């Protein structure tokens, strides 16, 4: 797994990175409305698994 992002950064760090990204997205007046009905914790989990 060394060639993957999980191998390079670790799962916990990736979760923090993705969480910080969606925190910024939800604070954005331009983007937040796209995510108003989205369960963010689930989205963070899916995004982390994708990476």
C-alpha atoms as a PDB file:
ATOM      1  CA  UNK A   1       0.000   0.000   0.000  1.00  0.00           C
ATOM      2  CA  UNK A   2       3.003   2.312   0.034  1.00  0.00           C
ATOM      3  CA  UNK A   3       2.074   3.523  -3.453  1.00  0.00           C
ATOM      4  CA  UNK A   4      -1.346   4.708  -2.310  1.00  0.00           C
ATOM      5  CA  UNK A   5      -2.422   7.842  -0.484  1.00  0.00           C
ATOM      6  CA  UNK A   6      -3.389   5.697   2.503  1.00  0.00           C
ATOM      7  CA  UNK A   7       0.093   4.190   2.497  1.00  0.00           C
ATOM      8  CA  UNK A   8       1.705   7.599   2.211  1.00  0.00           C
ATOM      9  CA  UNK A   9      -0.412   9.568   4.707  1.00  0.00           C
ATOM     10  CA  UNK A  10      -2.371   7.010   6.709  1.00  0.00           C
ATOM     11  CA  UNK A  11      -6.153   6.643   6.885  1.00  0.00           C
ATOM     12  CA  UNK A  12      -6.586   8.940   9.907  1.00  0.00           C
ATOM     13  CA  UNK A  13      -4.753  11.803   8.200  1.00  0.00           C
ATOM     14  CA  UNK A  14      -6.766  11.358   5.004  1.00  0.00           C
ATOM     15  CA  UNK A  15     -10.000  11.530   7.009  1.00  0.00           C
ATOM     16  CA  UNK A  16      -8.795  14.809   8.562  1.00  0.00           C
ATOM     17  CA  UNK A  17      -7.880  16.208   5.134  1.00  0.00           C
ATOM     18  CA  UNK A  18     -11.223  15.254   3.577  1.00  0.00           C
ATOM     19  CA  UNK A  19     -13.110  16.518   6.644  1.00  0.00           C
ATOM     20  CA  UNK A  20     -11.312  19.857   6.450  1.00  0.00           C
ATOM     21  CA  UNK A  21     -12.147  20.104   2.757  1.00  0.00           C
ATOM     22  CA  UNK A  22     -15.871  19.545   3.347  1.00  0.00           C
ATOM     23  CA  UNK A  23     -15.834  21.936   6.311  1.00  0.00           C
ATOM     24  CA  UNK A  24     -14.586  24.621   3.928  1.00  0.00           C
ATOM     25  CA  UNK A  25     -17.127  23.623   1.277  1.00  0.00           C
ATOM     26  CA  UNK A  26     -19.995  23.885   3.781  1.00  0.00           C
ATOM     27  CA  UNK A  27     -18.821  27.347   4.828  1.00  0.00           C
ATOM     28  CA  UNK A  28     -18.746  28.557   1.234  1.00  0.00           C
ATOM     29  CA  UNK A  29     -21.800  30.567   0.201  1.00  0.00           C
ATOM     30  CA  UNK A  30     -21.137  29.479  -3.378  1.00  0.00           C
ATOM     31  CA  UNK A  31     -20.923  25.721  -2.747  1.00  0.00           C
ATOM     32  CA  UNK A  32     -22.806  24.910   0.442  1.00  0.00           C
ATOM     33  CA  UNK A  33     -26.249  24.769  -1.168  1.00  0.00           C
ATOM     34  CA  UNK A  34     -25.124  21.808  -3.298  1.00  0.00           C
ATOM     35  CA  UNK A  35     -24.621  19.800  -0.106  1.00  0.00           C
ATOM     36  CA  UNK A  36     -27.632  20.944   1.935  1.00  0.00           C
ATOM     37  CA  UNK A  37     -29.365  17.547   1.750  1.00  0.00           C
ATOM     38  CA  UNK A  38     -26.230  15.380   1.769  1.00  0.00           C
ATOM     39  CA  UNK A  39     -25.224  13.379   4.857  1.00  0.00           C
ATOM     40  CA  UNK A  40     -21.703  14.773   5.136  1.00  0.00           C
ATOM     41  CA  UNK A  41     -20.282  12.048   7.395  1.00  0.00           C
ATOM     42  CA  UNK A  42     -21.273   9.455   4.790  1.00  0.00           C
ATOM     43  CA  UNK A  43     -19.796  11.556   2.013  1.00  0.00           C
ATOM     44  CA  UNK A  44     -16.532  11.928   3.937  1.00  0.00           C
ATOM     45  CA  UNK A  45     -16.412   8.155   4.398  1.00  0.00           C
ATOM     46  CA  UNK A  46     -17.016   7.504   0.702  1.00  0.00           C
ATOM     47  CA  UNK A  47     -14.465  10.107  -0.378  1.00  0.00           C
ATOM     48  CA  UNK A  48     -11.849   8.679   1.983  1.00  0.00           C
ATOM     49  CA  UNK A  49     -12.444   5.159   0.665  1.00  0.00           C
ATOM     50  CA  UNK A  50     -12.109   6.451  -2.888  1.00  0.00           C
ATOM     51  CA  UNK A  51      -8.703   7.974  -2.151  1.00  0.00           C
END
